[in-house]
Amino acid sequence: MYKAIPVLIVLTLLAACNSSEDAVPAQYVQFDTMVLIMADIQVVEAKGNLARNGSMVEDNKVGIKTDYEQVFFNYHTSQARFDSSYTYYARNPKLLDKLYEKSIEELNRRNTQALK
């Protein structure tokens, strides 16, 4: 009986060391890909906001829908899978905060790269 205690302690420590990013279930978009999708979505939204100032609202809605479809296509996912993945992340506030933090870092990286 006492011999099993060190094994249990080691297994518990190993489980505790597992990062939350590694623990994202397979049916959801994985963390690194979700960061890129979220960054792309921010670009789509910004583009839509800029277009809203100079075009008809209906044309803008069609353009944004097409842009969203392109983002999901680029990452081999769907709107439904993205939505369920986002719900998963939203139910894990620390993970959601990290997701937004990394998305902002990605946007800043892209901006810096574009300015060079």
N, C-alpha and C. Protein backbone atom coordinates (compact mmCIF):
# COMPACT_ATOMS: atom_id res chain seq x y z
N MET A 1 0.81 -1.19 0.00
CA MET A 1 0.00 0.00 0.00
C MET A 1 0.86 1.26 0.00
N TYR A 2 1.87 1.30 0.87
CA TYR A 2 2.72 2.47 0.94
C TYR A 2 3.56 2.66 -0.31
N LYS A 3 3.78 1.58 -1.05
CA LYS A 3 4.55 1.67 -2.29
C LYS A 3 3.77 2.40 -3.38
N ALA A 4 2.47 2.39 -3.30
CA ALA A 4 1.63 3.05 -4.31
C ALA A 4 1.57 4.56 -4.12
N ILE A 5 1.84 5.04 -2.92
CA ILE A 5 1.75 6.48 -2.64
C ILE A 5 2.74 7.28 -3.49
N PRO A 6 4.02 6.90 -3.59
CA PRO A 6 4.93 7.69 -4.44
C PRO A 6 4.48 7.70 -5.92
N VAL A 7 3.93 6.61 -6.37
CA VAL A 7 3.44 6.54 -7.75
C VAL A 7 2.28 7.52 -7.94
N LEU A 8 1.36 7.55 -6.99
CA LEU A 8 0.23 8.48 -7.06
C LEU A 8 0.70 9.94 -7.01
N ILE A 9 1.69 10.21 -6.19
CA ILE A 9 2.22 11.58 -6.10
C ILE A 9 2.84 11.98 -7.43
N VAL A 10 3.62 11.12 -8.03
CA VAL A 10 4.25 11.42 -9.32
C VAL A 10 3.19 11.63 -10.39
N LEU A 11 2.18 10.79 -10.44
CA LEU A 11 1.11 10.94 -11.43
C LEU A 11 0.35 12.25 -11.22
N THR A 12 0.11 12.62 -9.98
CA THR A 12 -0.57 13.87 -9.68
C THR A 12 0.27 15.06 -10.12
N LEU A 13 1.55 15.01 -9.86
CA LEU A 13 2.44 16.11 -10.28
C LEU A 13 2.51 16.22 -11.79
N LEU A 14 2.57 15.10 -12.48
CA LEU A 14 2.60 15.12 -13.94
C LEU A 14 1.32 15.73 -14.51
N ALA A 15 0.20 15.37 -13.92
CA ALA A 15 -1.08 15.93 -14.38
C ALA A 15 -1.13 17.43 -14.12
N ALA A 16 -0.59 17.88 -13.01
CA ALA A 16 -0.60 19.30 -12.68
C ALA A 16 0.31 20.11 -13.59
N CYS A 17 1.35 19.50 -14.10
CA CYS A 17 2.29 20.20 -14.98
C CYS A 17 1.75 20.39 -16.38
N ASN A 18 0.73 19.67 -16.75
CA ASN A 18 0.14 19.77 -18.07
C ASN A 18 -0.46 21.16 -18.26
N SER A 19 -0.04 21.89 -19.30
CA SER A 19 -0.57 23.24 -19.51
C SER A 19 -1.98 23.17 -20.05
N SER A 20 -2.74 24.23 -19.82
CA SER A 20 -4.13 24.26 -20.27
C SER A 20 -4.22 24.24 -21.79
N GLU A 21 -3.19 24.76 -22.48
CA GLU A 21 -3.21 24.75 -23.94
C GLU A 21 -3.13 23.32 -24.47
N ASP A 22 -2.35 22.49 -23.81
CA ASP A 22 -2.21 21.10 -24.23
C ASP A 22 -3.48 20.31 -23.95
N ALA A 23 -4.31 20.81 -23.04
CA ALA A 23 -5.47 20.07 -22.61
C ALA A 23 -6.74 20.37 -23.42
N VAL A 24 -6.64 21.17 -24.46
CA VAL A 24 -7.82 21.48 -25.26
C VAL A 24 -8.28 20.21 -25.97
N PRO A 25 -9.52 19.80 -25.73
CA PRO A 25 -10.01 18.57 -26.37
C PRO A 25 -9.93 18.65 -27.90
N ALA A 26 -9.74 17.51 -28.52
CA ALA A 26 -9.50 17.44 -29.96
C ALA A 26 -10.64 17.98 -30.81
N GLN A 27 -11.87 17.96 -30.32
CA GLN A 27 -12.99 18.42 -31.14
C GLN A 27 -13.02 19.94 -31.29
N TYR A 28 -12.19 20.62 -30.50
CA TYR A 28 -12.14 22.09 -30.58
C TYR A 28 -10.90 22.53 -31.35
N VAL A 29 -10.97 23.74 -31.89
CA VAL A 29 -9.81 24.33 -32.56
C VAL A 29 -8.71 24.49 -31.51
N GLN A 30 -7.53 24.01 -31.82
CA GLN A 30 -6.44 24.05 -30.86
C GLN A 30 -5.94 25.49 -30.66
N PHE A 31 -5.30 25.71 -29.52
CA PHE A 31 -4.97 27.05 -29.04
C PHE A 31 -4.21 27.88 -30.09
N ASP A 32 -3.11 27.37 -30.61
CA ASP A 32 -2.29 28.16 -31.54
C ASP A 32 -3.07 28.53 -32.80
N THR A 33 -3.88 27.63 -33.29
CA THR A 33 -4.70 27.91 -34.47
C THR A 33 -5.80 28.91 -34.12
N MET A 34 -6.37 28.77 -32.94
CA MET A 34 -7.42 29.70 -32.50
C MET A 34 -6.86 31.12 -32.40
N VAL A 35 -5.63 31.26 -31.96
CA VAL A 35 -4.99 32.59 -31.88
C VAL A 35 -4.97 33.22 -33.27
N LEU A 36 -4.55 32.46 -34.26
CA LEU A 36 -4.47 32.98 -35.63
C LEU A 36 -5.84 33.32 -36.20
N ILE A 37 -6.82 32.46 -35.93
CA ILE A 37 -8.19 32.72 -36.40
C ILE A 37 -8.72 34.00 -35.77
N MET A 38 -8.52 34.14 -34.47
CA MET A 38 -9.00 35.34 -33.77
C MET A 38 -8.34 36.60 -34.33
N ALA A 39 -7.06 36.52 -34.63
CA ALA A 39 -6.37 37.67 -35.22
C ALA A 39 -6.96 37.99 -36.59
N ASP A 40 -7.18 36.97 -37.40
CA ASP A 40 -7.77 37.19 -38.73
C ASP A 40 -9.17 37.77 -38.63
N ILE A 41 -9.94 37.32 -37.65
CA ILE A 41 -11.29 37.84 -37.47
C ILE A 41 -11.25 39.32 -37.10
N GLN A 42 -10.28 39.70 -36.30
CA GLN A 42 -10.15 41.12 -35.95
C GLN A 42 -9.86 41.96 -37.19
N VAL A 43 -9.06 41.42 -38.09
CA VAL A 43 -8.77 42.12 -39.35
C VAL A 43 -10.04 42.23 -40.19
N VAL A 44 -10.81 41.16 -40.27
CA VAL A 44 -12.08 41.18 -41.02
C VAL A 44 -13.02 42.23 -40.43
N GLU A 45 -13.13 42.25 -39.12
CA GLU A 45 -14.02 43.22 -38.46
C GLU A 45 -13.55 44.66 -38.71
N ALA A 46 -12.25 44.89 -38.63
CA ALA A 46 -11.72 46.23 -38.88
C ALA A 46 -11.98 46.66 -40.32
N LYS A 47 -11.77 45.73 -41.23
CA LYS A 47 -12.05 46.01 -42.65
C LYS A 47 -13.53 46.35 -42.84
N GLY A 48 -14.39 45.61 -42.17
CA GLY A 48 -15.83 45.86 -42.25
C GLY A 48 -16.19 47.22 -41.69
N ASN A 49 -15.57 47.59 -40.59
CA ASN A 49 -15.84 48.90 -40.00
C ASN A 49 -15.40 50.04 -40.92
N LEU A 50 -14.27 49.86 -41.57
CA LEU A 50 -13.81 50.88 -42.51
C LEU A 50 -14.72 50.97 -43.73
N ALA A 51 -15.16 49.81 -44.21
CA ALA A 51 -16.04 49.78 -45.39
C ALA A 51 -17.40 50.37 -45.08
N ARG A 52 -17.85 50.24 -43.86
CA ARG A 52 -19.15 50.77 -43.46
C ARG A 52 -19.27 52.27 -43.70
N ASN A 53 -18.16 52.94 -43.60
CA ASN A 53 -18.16 54.39 -43.79
C ASN A 53 -18.35 54.80 -45.24
N GLY A 54 -18.00 53.93 -46.18
CA GLY A 54 -18.03 54.34 -47.57
C GLY A 54 -18.94 53.55 -48.49
N SER A 55 -19.67 52.56 -47.95
CA SER A 55 -20.50 51.76 -48.84
C SER A 55 -21.84 51.44 -48.20
N MET A 56 -22.65 50.78 -48.97
CA MET A 56 -23.97 50.39 -48.47
C MET A 56 -23.82 49.28 -47.44
N VAL A 57 -24.66 49.32 -46.44
CA VAL A 57 -24.59 48.36 -45.35
C VAL A 57 -24.77 46.93 -45.84
N GLU A 58 -25.70 46.70 -46.76
CA GLU A 58 -25.96 45.34 -47.26
C GLU A 58 -24.73 44.79 -47.97
N ASP A 59 -24.06 45.60 -48.80
CA ASP A 59 -22.84 45.15 -49.48
C ASP A 59 -21.77 44.78 -48.46
N ASN A 60 -21.70 45.56 -47.41
CA ASN A 60 -20.71 45.33 -46.36
C ASN A 60 -20.96 44.00 -45.66
N LYS A 61 -22.23 43.67 -45.38
CA LYS A 61 -22.57 42.40 -44.72
C LYS A 61 -22.15 41.21 -45.58
N VAL A 62 -22.37 41.31 -46.87
CA VAL A 62 -21.99 40.23 -47.79
C VAL A 62 -20.47 40.09 -47.80
N GLY A 63 -19.77 41.21 -47.84
CA GLY A 63 -18.30 41.17 -47.85
C GLY A 63 -17.74 40.55 -46.59
N ILE A 64 -18.29 40.92 -45.44
CA ILE A 64 -17.81 40.36 -44.17
C ILE A 64 -18.10 38.87 -44.10
N LYS A 65 -19.28 38.46 -44.54
CA LYS A 65 -19.62 37.03 -44.53
C LYS A 65 -18.64 36.24 -45.38
N THR A 66 -18.32 36.76 -46.55
CA THR A 66 -17.36 36.11 -47.44
C THR A 66 -15.97 36.06 -46.79
N ASP A 67 -15.58 37.15 -46.14
CA ASP A 67 -14.27 37.19 -45.48
C ASP A 67 -14.20 36.18 -44.34
N TYR A 68 -15.28 36.07 -43.56
CA TYR A 68 -15.32 35.07 -42.49
C TYR A 68 -15.20 33.66 -43.07
N GLU A 69 -15.92 33.39 -44.13
CA GLU A 69 -15.86 32.07 -44.76
C GLU A 69 -14.44 31.77 -45.22
N GLN A 70 -13.75 32.78 -45.73
CA GLN A 70 -12.37 32.60 -46.19
C GLN A 70 -11.45 32.28 -45.01
N VAL A 71 -11.64 32.96 -43.90
CA VAL A 71 -10.83 32.68 -42.70
C VAL A 71 -11.02 31.23 -42.28
N PHE A 72 -12.26 30.80 -42.18
CA PHE A 72 -12.52 29.42 -41.75
C PHE A 72 -11.96 28.42 -42.76
N PHE A 73 -12.08 28.72 -44.03
CA PHE A 73 -11.53 27.86 -45.08
C PHE A 73 -10.01 27.76 -44.92
N ASN A 74 -9.36 28.89 -44.68
CA ASN A 74 -7.89 28.92 -44.55
C ASN A 74 -7.39 28.02 -43.42
N TYR A 75 -8.21 27.87 -42.38
CA TYR A 75 -7.80 27.07 -41.23
C TYR A 75 -8.51 25.71 -41.18
N HIS A 76 -9.12 25.33 -42.28
CA HIS A 76 -9.76 24.03 -42.41
C HIS A 76 -10.76 23.77 -41.27
N THR A 77 -11.59 24.78 -41.03
CA THR A 77 -12.61 24.63 -39.99
C THR A 77 -13.92 25.23 -40.50
N SER A 78 -14.91 25.23 -39.65
CA SER A 78 -16.22 25.77 -40.03
C SER A 78 -16.67 26.79 -38.99
N GLN A 79 -17.69 27.54 -39.34
CA GLN A 79 -18.27 28.49 -38.40
C GLN A 79 -18.75 27.77 -37.15
N ALA A 80 -19.40 26.62 -37.33
CA ALA A 80 -19.92 25.86 -36.19
C ALA A 80 -18.80 25.38 -35.27
N ARG A 81 -17.72 24.88 -35.85
CA ARG A 81 -16.60 24.40 -35.02
C ARG A 81 -15.93 25.57 -34.32
N PHE A 82 -15.79 26.69 -35.03
CA PHE A 82 -15.23 27.88 -34.39
C PHE A 82 -16.11 28.31 -33.22
N ASP A 83 -17.42 28.37 -33.44
CA ASP A 83 -18.35 28.80 -32.39
C ASP A 83 -18.27 27.89 -31.16
N SER A 84 -18.26 26.58 -31.39
CA SER A 84 -18.19 25.66 -30.24
C SER A 84 -16.83 25.79 -29.55
N SER A 85 -15.78 26.02 -30.32
CA SER A 85 -14.45 26.20 -29.74
C SER A 85 -14.40 27.48 -28.91
N TYR A 86 -14.97 28.54 -29.45
CA TYR A 86 -14.99 29.80 -28.71
C TYR A 86 -15.76 29.64 -27.40
N THR A 87 -16.85 28.90 -27.43
CA THR A 87 -17.62 28.63 -26.22
C THR A 87 -16.77 27.87 -25.21
N TYR A 88 -16.00 26.90 -25.69
CA TYR A 88 -15.10 26.16 -24.80
C TYR A 88 -14.11 27.11 -24.13
N TYR A 89 -13.47 27.97 -24.92
CA TYR A 89 -12.49 28.91 -24.37
C TYR A 89 -13.17 29.89 -23.41
N ALA A 90 -14.36 30.34 -23.75
CA ALA A 90 -15.08 31.30 -22.90
C ALA A 90 -15.44 30.70 -21.55
N ARG A 91 -15.59 29.40 -21.49
CA ARG A 91 -15.89 28.73 -20.22
C ARG A 91 -14.64 28.54 -19.36
N ASN A 92 -13.50 28.88 -19.92
CA ASN A 92 -12.22 28.79 -19.21
C ASN A 92 -11.57 30.18 -19.23
N PRO A 93 -11.96 31.05 -18.30
CA PRO A 93 -11.55 32.47 -18.36
C PRO A 93 -10.05 32.71 -18.48
N LYS A 94 -9.23 31.93 -17.77
CA LYS A 94 -7.78 32.12 -17.87
C LYS A 94 -7.30 31.80 -19.27
N LEU A 95 -7.85 30.75 -19.85
CA LEU A 95 -7.47 30.36 -21.21
C LEU A 95 -7.97 31.39 -22.22
N LEU A 96 -9.17 31.92 -22.00
CA LEU A 96 -9.71 32.96 -22.89
C LEU A 96 -8.85 34.22 -22.82
N ASP A 97 -8.45 34.61 -21.61
CA ASP A 97 -7.57 35.78 -21.47
C ASP A 97 -6.26 35.58 -22.22
N LYS A 98 -5.71 34.38 -22.08
CA LYS A 98 -4.45 34.08 -22.78
C LYS A 98 -4.66 34.07 -24.30
N LEU A 99 -5.81 33.58 -24.73
CA LEU A 99 -6.14 33.56 -26.15
C LEU A 99 -6.16 34.99 -26.71
N TYR A 100 -6.84 35.89 -26.01
CA TYR A 100 -6.88 37.28 -26.45
C TYR A 100 -5.51 37.94 -26.39
N GLU A 101 -4.76 37.65 -25.34
CA GLU A 101 -3.42 38.20 -25.21
C GLU A 101 -2.54 37.79 -26.39
N LYS A 102 -2.56 36.52 -26.72
CA LYS A 102 -1.75 36.01 -27.84
C LYS A 102 -2.25 36.54 -29.18
N SER A 103 -3.56 36.73 -29.30
CA SER A 103 -4.12 37.28 -30.55
C SER A 103 -3.64 38.72 -30.75
N ILE A 104 -3.63 39.49 -29.67
CA ILE A 104 -3.13 40.86 -29.75
C ILE A 104 -1.65 40.88 -30.10
N GLU A 105 -0.89 39.98 -29.49
CA GLU A 105 0.54 39.87 -29.83
C GLU A 105 0.71 39.54 -31.32
N GLU A 106 -0.12 38.65 -31.83
CA GLU A 106 -0.06 38.28 -33.26
C GLU A 106 -0.38 39.48 -34.14
N LEU A 107 -1.40 40.24 -33.78
CA LEU A 107 -1.75 41.44 -34.56
C LEU A 107 -0.62 42.46 -34.50
N ASN A 108 -0.01 42.64 -33.36
CA ASN A 108 1.12 43.56 -33.24
C ASN A 108 2.30 43.09 -34.08
N ARG A 109 2.53 41.77 -34.08
CA ARG A 109 3.62 41.21 -34.89
C ARG A 109 3.36 41.48 -36.38
N ARG A 110 2.13 41.27 -36.81
CA ARG A 110 1.78 41.51 -38.21
C ARG A 110 1.93 42.99 -38.56
N ASN A 111 1.51 43.84 -37.66
CA ASN A 111 1.60 45.28 -37.89
C ASN A 111 3.06 45.71 -38.02
N THR A 112 3.89 45.22 -37.12
CA THR A 112 5.32 45.54 -37.17
C THR A 112 5.94 45.05 -38.47
N GLN A 113 5.56 43.85 -38.87
CA GLN A 113 6.07 43.27 -40.11
C GLN A 113 5.62 44.07 -41.33
N ALA A 114 4.38 44.55 -41.31
CA ALA A 114 3.84 45.32 -42.43
C ALA A 114 4.50 46.68 -42.55
N LEU A 115 4.96 47.23 -41.44
CA LEU A 115 5.59 48.55 -41.44
C LEU A 115 7.04 48.53 -41.90
N LYS A 116 7.62 47.35 -41.98
CA LYS A 116 9.04 47.25 -42.39
C LYS A 116 9.18 47.44 -43.87
